Amino acid sequence: MKDFQHAIVVGASSGIGAELAKQLLESGCRVALVARRRDRLEAVAANHPDSAVVAEHDVHDTAAVPALFQDLCRQLGGLDLVVYASGVMPPVGAHEYDTAKDLEMVAVNLAGAVAWLNEAAVRFEGVKAGTIIGLGSVAGDRGRSGQPVYNTTKAALATYLEALRNRLAKQGVTVVTVKPGPTQSEMTAHLPQGKMMPAAEAARRILGKAHRTGEHYLSPAHAVAFLIIRHIPSWLFRRTKI
């Protein structure tokens, strides 16, 4: 794992975000844990009171991000890593078209990421160093019928991160898009968990790839499977159950 000294993890109250925060703290990194549920953040931070900063924040409140970002940088004493791990994926029926539910996914999965990672881009471009990690998903690789807007938000996030990567690579900034497959978390609690990757293992693999700018799957099997899935012709894809 790359040796980080100061990190902000947005979405650190559960799932992969909480595990990333724990593993960074255990490595000796000072970490700002950001999410809505303060009690959950404090539980994650409990064993590291001297190196954890807890910040209660709702990612819907994008206007609050610039000031909070600067305050966390001051409290940490620097910054070399920002992770955006917030995400929602509510159950969606096969014939459901609920605009409110869909726009909630856009707000949390995409708009919040843009608000936080724009701030990271400005800071890291200025100092010509730093790492940005965004949690995409294999779900963003195709427009699957089961989760139209979740897929859309993850595809859009991947495109946004690629654009940041193309802007910032010349400035020495690493931008990493991670595409986890099915992972055990609160977000997937309504789905069968048996074959899913534990969140702690996903976090370990993400930090192992944090030094490699680019787009990464967390298992070779997913990399091969989704290479094939991306190239299935649309007329044939519509006839599959993927």
C-alpha atoms as a PDB file:
ATOM      1  CA  MET A   1       0.000   0.000   0.000  1.00  0.00           C
ATOM      2  CA  LYS A   2       1.228   3.491  -0.815  1.00  0.00           C
ATOM      3  CA  ASP A   3       2.262   5.425   2.277  1.00  0.00           C
ATOM      4  CA  PHE A   4      -0.318   8.187   2.760  1.00  0.00           C
ATOM      5  CA  GLN A   5       0.043  10.772   5.536  1.00  0.00           C
ATOM      6  CA  HIS A   6      -3.182  12.811   5.385  1.00  0.00           C
ATOM      7  CA  ALA A   7      -6.486  11.645   3.875  1.00  0.00           C
ATOM      8  CA  ILE A   8     -10.142  12.619   3.567  1.00  0.00           C
ATOM      9  CA  VAL A   9     -12.619   9.744   3.135  1.00  0.00           C
ATOM     10  CA  VAL A  10     -16.140  10.839   2.179  1.00  0.00           C
ATOM     11  CA  GLY A  11     -18.671   8.138   2.974  1.00  0.00           C
ATOM     12  CA  ALA A  12     -16.662   6.694   5.853  1.00  0.00           C
ATOM     13  CA  SER A  13     -19.570   5.562   8.043  1.00  0.00           C
ATOM     14  CA  SER A  14     -20.114   2.114   6.497  1.00  0.00           C
ATOM     15  CA  GLY A  15     -19.095  -0.365   3.819  1.00  0.00           C
ATOM     16  CA  ILE A  16     -15.954   0.127   1.748  1.00  0.00           C
ATOM     17  CA  GLY A  17     -15.558   3.740   2.914  1.00  0.00           C
ATOM     18  CA  ALA A  18     -15.448   2.725   6.590  1.00  0.00           C
ATOM     19  CA  GLU A  19     -12.965  -0.047   5.849  1.00  0.00           C
ATOM     20  CA  LEU A  20     -10.758   2.313   3.851  1.00  0.00           C
ATOM     21  CA  ALA A  21     -10.748   4.768   6.750  1.00  0.00           C
ATOM     22  CA  LYS A  22      -9.899   1.992   9.247  1.00  0.00           C
ATOM     23  CA  GLN A  23      -7.026   0.637   7.168  1.00  0.00           C
ATOM     24  CA  LEU A  24      -5.601   4.096   6.532  1.00  0.00           C
ATOM     25  CA  LEU A  25      -5.753   4.873  10.262  1.00  0.00           C
ATOM     26  CA  GLU A  26      -4.087   1.559  11.087  1.00  0.00           C
ATOM     27  CA  SER A  27      -1.279   2.427   8.662  1.00  0.00           C
ATOM     28  CA  GLY A  28      -0.538   5.614  10.622  1.00  0.00           C
ATOM     29  CA  CYS A  29      -2.325   8.052   8.276  1.00  0.00           C
ATOM     30  CA  ARG A  30      -4.267  10.988   9.729  1.00  0.00           C
ATOM     31  CA  VAL A  31      -7.797  10.649   8.352  1.00  0.00           C
ATOM     32  CA  ALA A  32     -10.834  12.919   8.166  1.00  0.00           C
ATOM     33  CA  LEU A  33     -13.936  10.730   8.214  1.00  0.00           C
ATOM     34  CA  VAL A  34     -16.902  12.387   6.505  1.00  0.00           C
ATOM     35  CA  ALA A  35     -20.539  11.210   6.436  1.00  0.00           C
ATOM     36  CA  ARG A  36     -24.003  12.028   7.828  1.00  0.00           C
ATOM     37  CA  ARG A  37     -23.987   9.552  10.754  1.00  0.00           C
ATOM     38  CA  ARG A  38     -21.648  10.935  13.407  1.00  0.00           C
ATOM     39  CA  ASP A  39     -22.122   7.940  15.721  1.00  0.00           C
ATOM     40  CA  ARG A  40     -20.933   5.583  12.990  1.00  0.00           C
ATOM     41  CA  LEU A  41     -17.933   7.794  12.222  1.00  0.00           C
ATOM     42  CA  GLU A  42     -16.987   7.963  15.883  1.00  0.00           C
ATOM     43  CA  ALA A  43     -17.173   4.162  16.113  1.00  0.00           C
ATOM     44  CA  VAL A  44     -14.791   3.804  13.147  1.00  0.00           C
ATOM     45  CA  ALA A  45     -12.452   6.401  14.651  1.00  0.00           C
ATOM     46  CA  ALA A  46     -12.636   5.118  18.244  1.00  0.00           C
ATOM     47  CA  ASN A  47      -9.288   3.328  18.291  1.00  0.00           C
ATOM     48  CA  HIS A  48      -7.415   6.261  16.775  1.00  0.00           C
ATOM     49  CA  PRO A  49      -8.464   9.411  18.683  1.00  0.00           C
ATOM     50  CA  ASP A  50      -5.211  11.247  17.919  1.00  0.00           C
ATOM     51  CA  SER A  51      -5.212  10.669  14.172  1.00  0.00           C
ATOM     52  CA  ALA A  52      -8.921  10.735  13.253  1.00  0.00           C
ATOM     53  CA  VAL A  53     -11.033  13.813  12.529  1.00  0.00           C
ATOM     54  CA  VAL A  54     -14.804  13.258  12.444  1.00  0.00           C
ATOM     55  CA  ALA A  55     -16.904  15.543  10.240  1.00  0.00           C
ATOM     56  CA  GLU A  56     -20.690  15.209  10.043  1.00  0.00           C
ATOM     57  CA  HIS A  57     -21.756  16.178   6.515  1.00  0.00           C
ATOM     58  CA  ASP A  58     -24.571  15.406   4.077  1.00  0.00           C
ATOM     59  CA  VAL A  59     -23.245  15.148   0.508  1.00  0.00           C
ATOM     60  CA  HIS A  60     -26.464  16.782  -0.742  1.00  0.00           C
ATOM     61  CA  ASP A  61     -25.106  20.033   0.745  1.00  0.00           C
ATOM     62  CA  THR A  62     -22.617  20.758  -2.025  1.00  0.00           C
ATOM     63  CA  ALA A  63     -22.483  24.456  -1.080  1.00  0.00           C
ATOM     64  CA  ALA A  64     -20.853  23.529   2.235  1.00  0.00           C
ATOM     65  CA  VAL A  65     -18.035  21.541   0.658  1.00  0.00           C
ATOM     66  CA  PRO A  66     -15.449  24.275  -0.132  1.00  0.00           C
ATOM     67  CA  ALA A  67     -15.302  25.602   3.438  1.00  0.00           C
ATOM     68  CA  LEU A  68     -15.413  22.133   5.017  1.00  0.00           C
ATOM     69  CA  PHE A  69     -12.676  20.891   2.684  1.00  0.00           C
ATOM     70  CA  GLN A  70     -10.361  23.733   3.695  1.00  0.00           C
ATOM     71  CA  ASP A  71     -11.156  23.252   7.387  1.00  0.00           C
ATOM     72  CA  LEU A  72     -10.353  19.528   7.223  1.00  0.00           C
ATOM     73  CA  CYS A  73      -7.059  20.228   5.456  1.00  0.00           C
ATOM     74  CA  ARG A  74      -6.141  22.586   8.304  1.00  0.00           C
ATOM     75  CA  GLN A  75      -7.135  20.069  10.978  1.00  0.00           C
ATOM     76  CA  LEU A  76      -5.201  17.263   9.294  1.00  0.00           C
ATOM     77  CA  GLY A  77      -2.119  19.407   8.751  1.00  0.00           C
ATOM     78  CA  GLY A  78      -1.948  18.572   5.041  1.00  0.00           C
ATOM     79  CA  LEU A  79      -3.570  16.384   2.418  1.00  0.00           C
ATOM     80  CA  ASP A  80      -2.299  13.772  -0.022  1.00  0.00           C
ATOM     81  CA  LEU A  81      -5.361  11.532  -0.566  1.00  0.00           C
ATOM     82  CA  VAL A  82      -9.068  12.116  -1.119  1.00  0.00           C
ATOM     83  CA  VAL A  83     -11.494   9.196  -1.473  1.00  0.00           C
ATOM     84  CA  TYR A  84     -15.136   9.567  -2.517  1.00  0.00           C
ATOM     85  CA  ALA A  85     -16.962   6.426  -1.353  1.00  0.00           C
ATOM     86  CA  SER A  86     -20.534   7.677  -0.779  1.00  0.00           C
ATOM     87  CA  GLY A  87     -23.167   5.847  -2.749  1.00  0.00           C
ATOM     88  CA  VAL A  88     -26.751   4.619  -2.732  1.00  0.00           C
ATOM     89  CA  MET A  89     -28.455   1.866  -4.713  1.00  0.00           C
ATOM     90  CA  PRO A  90     -32.082   1.450  -3.640  1.00  0.00           C
ATOM     91  CA  PRO A  91     -34.076  -1.529  -4.916  1.00  0.00           C
ATOM     92  CA  VAL A  92     -35.767  -0.688  -8.232  1.00  0.00           C
ATOM     93  CA  GLY A  93     -38.649  -2.683  -9.675  1.00  0.00           C
ATOM     94  CA  ALA A  94     -38.556  -4.010 -13.227  1.00  0.00           C
ATOM     95  CA  HIS A  95     -41.324  -1.594 -14.269  1.00  0.00           C
ATOM     96  CA  GLU A  96     -40.549   1.245 -11.835  1.00  0.00           C
ATOM     97  CA  TYR A  97     -39.678   4.769 -13.029  1.00  0.00           C
ATOM     98  CA  ASP A  98     -39.474   6.816  -9.816  1.00  0.00           C
ATOM     99  CA  THR A  99     -37.883  10.186 -10.555  1.00  0.00           C
ATOM    100  CA  ALA A 100     -37.367  11.132  -6.901  1.00  0.00           C
ATOM    101  CA  LYS A 101     -35.562   7.866  -6.203  1.00  0.00           C
ATOM    102  CA  ASP A 102     -33.487   8.251  -9.376  1.00  0.00           C
ATOM    103  CA  LEU A 103     -32.451  11.840  -8.614  1.00  0.00           C
ATOM    104  CA  GLU A 104     -31.392  10.788  -5.111  1.00  0.00           C
ATOM    105  CA  MET A 105     -28.865   8.443  -6.740  1.00  0.00           C
ATOM    106  CA  VAL A 106     -27.670  11.268  -8.997  1.00  0.00           C
ATOM    107  CA  ALA A 107     -27.213  13.550  -5.970  1.00  0.00           C
ATOM    108  CA  VAL A 108     -25.267  11.081  -3.813  1.00  0.00           C
ATOM    109  CA  ASN A 109     -23.369   9.028  -6.385  1.00  0.00           C
ATOM    110  CA  LEU A 110     -22.430  11.835  -8.781  1.00  0.00           C
ATOM    111  CA  ALA A 111     -23.129  15.424  -7.650  1.00  0.00           C
ATOM    112  CA  GLY A 112     -21.518  14.876  -4.241  1.00  0.00           C
ATOM    113  CA  ALA A 113     -18.467  13.355  -5.892  1.00  0.00           C
ATOM    114  CA  VAL A 114     -18.071  16.317  -8.223  1.00  0.00           C
ATOM    115  CA  ALA A 115     -18.323  18.774  -5.315  1.00  0.00           C
ATOM    116  CA  TRP A 116     -15.626  17.020  -3.247  1.00  0.00           C
ATOM    117  CA  LEU A 117     -13.277  15.968  -6.019  1.00  0.00           C
ATOM    118  CA  ASN A 118     -13.307  19.390  -7.684  1.00  0.00           C
ATOM    119  CA  GLU A 119     -11.909  20.769  -4.423  1.00  0.00           C
ATOM    120  CA  ALA A 120      -9.279  18.012  -4.381  1.00  0.00           C
ATOM    121  CA  ALA A 121      -8.366  18.743  -8.007  1.00  0.00           C
ATOM    122  CA  VAL A 122      -7.804  22.431  -7.303  1.00  0.00           C
ATOM    123  CA  ARG A 123      -5.571  21.717  -4.294  1.00  0.00           C
ATOM    124  CA  PHE A 124      -3.566  18.913  -5.880  1.00  0.00           C
ATOM    125  CA  GLU A 125      -3.099  20.775  -9.186  1.00  0.00           C
ATOM    126  CA  GLY A 126      -1.682  23.668  -7.184  1.00  0.00           C
ATOM    127  CA  VAL A 127       0.864  21.573  -5.307  1.00  0.00           C
ATOM    128  CA  LYS A 128       1.479  19.180  -8.240  1.00  0.00           C
ATOM    129  CA  ALA A 129       0.972  16.087  -6.109  1.00  0.00           C
ATOM    130  CA  GLY A 130      -1.774  14.012  -4.520  1.00  0.00           C
ATOM    131  CA  THR A 131      -4.105  11.093  -5.138  1.00  0.00           C
ATOM    132  CA  ILE A 132      -7.836  11.044  -5.885  1.00  0.00           C
ATOM    133  CA  ILE A 133      -9.787   7.780  -5.640  1.00  0.00           C
ATOM    134  CA  GLY A 134     -13.383   7.474  -6.810  1.00  0.00           C
ATOM    135  CA  LEU A 135     -15.471   4.373  -6.251  1.00  0.00           C
ATOM    136  CA  GLY A 136     -17.194   3.515  -9.500  1.00  0.00           C
ATOM    137  CA  SER A 137     -18.758   0.135 -10.200  1.00  0.00           C
ATOM    138  CA  VAL A 138     -18.847  -2.638 -12.744  1.00  0.00           C
ATOM    139  CA  ALA A 139     -22.503  -1.568 -13.038  1.00  0.00           C
ATOM    140  CA  GLY A 140     -21.358   1.481 -14.992  1.00  0.00           C
ATOM    141  CA  ASP A 141     -19.948  -0.597 -17.831  1.00  0.00           C
ATOM    142  CA  ARG A 142     -23.299  -1.199 -19.561  1.00  0.00           C
ATOM    143  CA  GLY A 143     -26.852   0.103 -19.393  1.00  0.00           C
ATOM    144  CA  ARG A 144     -28.386  -2.892 -17.682  1.00  0.00           C
ATOM    145  CA  SER A 145     -32.159  -3.068 -17.320  1.00  0.00           C
ATOM    146  CA  GLY A 146     -32.233  -3.742 -13.567  1.00  0.00           C
ATOM    147  CA  GLN A 147     -30.776  -0.422 -12.308  1.00  0.00           C
ATOM    148  CA  PRO A 148     -30.960   2.204 -15.094  1.00  0.00           C
ATOM    149  CA  VAL A 149     -29.975   5.276 -13.048  1.00  0.00           C
ATOM    150  CA  TYR A 150     -27.483   3.570 -10.713  1.00  0.00           C
ATOM    151  CA  ASN A 151     -25.685   2.351 -13.845  1.00  0.00           C
ATOM    152  CA  THR A 152     -25.875   5.857 -15.302  1.00  0.00           C
ATOM    153  CA  THR A 153     -24.372   7.537 -12.229  1.00  0.00           C
ATOM    154  CA  LYS A 154     -21.451   5.113 -12.120  1.00  0.00           C
ATOM    155  CA  ALA A 155     -20.798   5.489 -15.855  1.00  0.00           C
ATOM    156  CA  ALA A 156     -20.872   9.278 -15.494  1.00  0.00           C
ATOM    157  CA  LEU A 157     -18.551   9.139 -12.476  1.00  0.00           C
ATOM    158  CA  ALA A 158     -16.069   7.026 -14.456  1.00  0.00           C
ATOM    159  CA  THR A 159     -16.119   9.560 -17.306  1.00  0.00           C
ATOM    160  CA  TYR A 160     -15.662  12.488 -14.906  1.00  0.00           C
ATOM    161  CA  LEU A 161     -12.707  10.753 -13.234  1.00  0.00           C
ATOM    162  CA  GLU A 162     -11.140   9.963 -16.613  1.00  0.00           C
ATOM    163  CA  ALA A 163     -11.385  13.645 -17.529  1.00  0.00           C
ATOM    164  CA  LEU A 164      -9.775  14.653 -14.215  1.00  0.00           C
ATOM    165  CA  ARG A 165      -7.039  12.092 -14.854  1.00  0.00           C
ATOM    166  CA  ASN A 166      -6.371  13.535 -18.321  1.00  0.00           C
ATOM    167  CA  ARG A 167      -6.200  17.070 -16.884  1.00  0.00           C
ATOM    168  CA  LEU A 168      -4.091  16.297 -13.830  1.00  0.00           C
ATOM    169  CA  ALA A 169      -1.641  13.607 -14.966  1.00  0.00           C
ATOM    170  CA  LYS A 170       0.721  16.259 -16.327  1.00  0.00           C
ATOM    171  CA  GLN A 171       0.691  17.913 -12.900  1.00  0.00           C
ATOM    172  CA  GLY A 172       1.831  14.783 -11.075  1.00  0.00           C
ATOM    173  CA  VAL A 173      -1.608  13.979  -9.635  1.00  0.00           C
ATOM    174  CA  THR A 174      -2.811  10.356  -9.512  1.00  0.00           C
ATOM    175  CA  VAL A 175      -6.518   9.814 -10.296  1.00  0.00           C
ATOM    176  CA  VAL A 176      -7.787   6.285  -9.668  1.00  0.00           C
ATOM    177  CA  THR A 177     -11.158   4.891 -10.716  1.00  0.00           C
ATOM    178  CA  VAL A 178     -12.019   1.691  -8.891  1.00  0.00           C
ATOM    179  CA  LYS A 179     -14.776  -0.592 -10.138  1.00  0.00           C
ATOM    180  CA  PRO A 180     -15.710  -3.005  -7.356  1.00  0.00           C
ATOM    181  CA  GLY A 181     -17.950  -5.908  -8.194  1.00  0.00           C
ATOM    182  CA  PRO A 182     -20.659  -7.053  -5.777  1.00  0.00           C
ATOM    183  CA  THR A 183     -19.435  -6.195  -2.260  1.00  0.00           C
ATOM    184  CA  GLN A 184     -20.926  -6.940   1.173  1.00  0.00           C
ATOM    185  CA  SER A 185     -22.259  -3.662   2.578  1.00  0.00           C
ATOM    186  CA  GLU A 186     -25.395  -1.895   3.795  1.00  0.00           C
ATOM    187  CA  MET A 187     -26.039  -0.849   0.193  1.00  0.00           C
ATOM    188  CA  THR A 188     -26.262  -4.457  -0.958  1.00  0.00           C
ATOM    189  CA  ALA A 189     -27.916  -5.855   2.189  1.00  0.00           C
ATOM    190  CA  HIS A 190     -31.151  -6.488   0.231  1.00  0.00           C
ATOM    191  CA  LEU A 191     -29.278  -8.792  -2.169  1.00  0.00           C
ATOM    192  CA  PRO A 192     -27.848 -12.313  -1.647  1.00  0.00           C
ATOM    193  CA  GLN A 193     -24.438 -11.797   0.016  1.00  0.00           C
ATOM    194  CA  GLY A 194     -22.933 -15.290  -0.297  1.00  0.00           C
ATOM    195  CA  LYS A 195     -20.635 -14.697  -3.274  1.00  0.00           C
ATOM    196  CA  MET A 196     -19.902 -11.029  -2.576  1.00  0.00           C
ATOM    197  CA  MET A 197     -16.458  -9.720  -1.628  1.00  0.00           C
ATOM    198  CA  PRO A 198     -16.165  -8.570   2.029  1.00  0.00           C
ATOM    199  CA  ALA A 199     -15.810  -4.793   2.297  1.00  0.00           C
ATOM    200  CA  ALA A 200     -12.504  -5.112   4.186  1.00  0.00           C
ATOM    201  CA  GLU A 201     -10.993  -7.139   1.348  1.00  0.00           C
ATOM    202  CA  ALA A 202     -12.268  -4.644  -1.233  1.00  0.00           C
ATOM    203  CA  ALA A 203     -10.661  -1.810   0.753  1.00  0.00           C
ATOM    204  CA  ARG A 204      -7.364  -3.674   0.979  1.00  0.00           C
ATOM    205  CA  ARG A 205      -7.305  -4.172  -2.787  1.00  0.00           C
ATOM    206  CA  ILE A 206      -8.256  -0.535  -3.460  1.00  0.00           C
ATOM    207  CA  LEU A 207      -5.378   0.771  -1.338  1.00  0.00           C
ATOM    208  CA  GLY A 208      -3.088  -1.675  -3.118  1.00  0.00           C
ATOM    209  CA  LYS A 209      -3.976  -0.010  -6.429  1.00  0.00           C
ATOM    210  CA  ALA A 210      -3.892   3.570  -5.129  1.00  0.00           C
ATOM    211  CA  HIS A 211      -0.461   4.299  -6.618  1.00  0.00           C
ATOM    212  CA  ARG A 212      -1.529   3.311 -10.169  1.00  0.00           C
ATOM    213  CA  THR A 213      -3.302   6.081 -12.042  1.00  0.00           C
ATOM    214  CA  GLY A 214      -6.070   4.671 -14.221  1.00  0.00           C
ATOM    215  CA  GLU A 215      -9.142   2.474 -14.006  1.00  0.00           C
ATOM    216  CA  HIS A 216      -9.068  -0.764 -12.017  1.00  0.00           C
ATOM    217  CA  TYR A 217     -11.273  -3.772 -11.309  1.00  0.00           C
ATOM    218  CA  LEU A 218     -10.731  -5.554  -8.012  1.00  0.00           C
ATOM    219  CA  SER A 219     -10.463  -9.064  -9.438  1.00  0.00           C
ATOM    220  CA  PRO A 220      -8.995 -10.481 -12.674  1.00  0.00           C
ATOM    221  CA  ALA A 221     -12.246 -12.387 -13.229  1.00  0.00           C
ATOM    222  CA  HIS A 222     -14.226  -9.128 -13.268  1.00  0.00           C
ATOM    223  CA  ALA A 223     -11.727  -7.519 -15.632  1.00  0.00           C
ATOM    224  CA  VAL A 224     -12.159 -10.355 -18.142  1.00  0.00           C
ATOM    225  CA  ALA A 225     -15.919 -10.720 -17.688  1.00  0.00           C
ATOM    226  CA  PHE A 226     -16.633  -7.029 -18.152  1.00  0.00           C
ATOM    227  CA  LEU A 227     -14.268  -6.748 -21.106  1.00  0.00           C
ATOM    228  CA  ILE A 228     -16.508  -9.307 -22.783  1.00  0.00           C
ATOM    229  CA  ILE A 229     -19.735  -7.693 -21.548  1.00  0.00           C
ATOM    230  CA  ARG A 230     -18.690  -4.267 -22.850  1.00  0.00           C
ATOM    231  CA  HIS A 231     -18.266  -5.724 -26.337  1.00  0.00           C
ATOM    232  CA  ILE A 232     -21.540  -7.637 -26.603  1.00  0.00           C
ATOM    233  CA  PRO A 233     -23.567  -5.993 -29.401  1.00  0.00           C
ATOM    234  CA  SER A 234     -26.613  -4.079 -28.123  1.00  0.00           C
ATOM    235  CA  TRP A 235     -29.076  -6.222 -30.083  1.00  0.00           C
ATOM    236  CA  LEU A 236     -27.666  -9.321 -28.387  1.00  0.00           C
ATOM    237  CA  PHE A 237     -27.223  -7.689 -24.949  1.00  0.00           C
ATOM    238  CA  ARG A 238     -30.962  -6.954 -24.841  1.00  0.00           C
ATOM    239  CA  ARG A 239     -31.630 -10.680 -25.028  1.00  0.00           C
ATOM    240  CA  THR A 240     -29.395 -11.571 -22.068  1.00  0.00           C
ATOM    241  CA  LYS A 241     -30.271 -11.613 -18.347  1.00  0.00           C
ATOM    242  CA  ILE A 242     -27.129  -9.675 -17.368  1.00  0.00           C
END
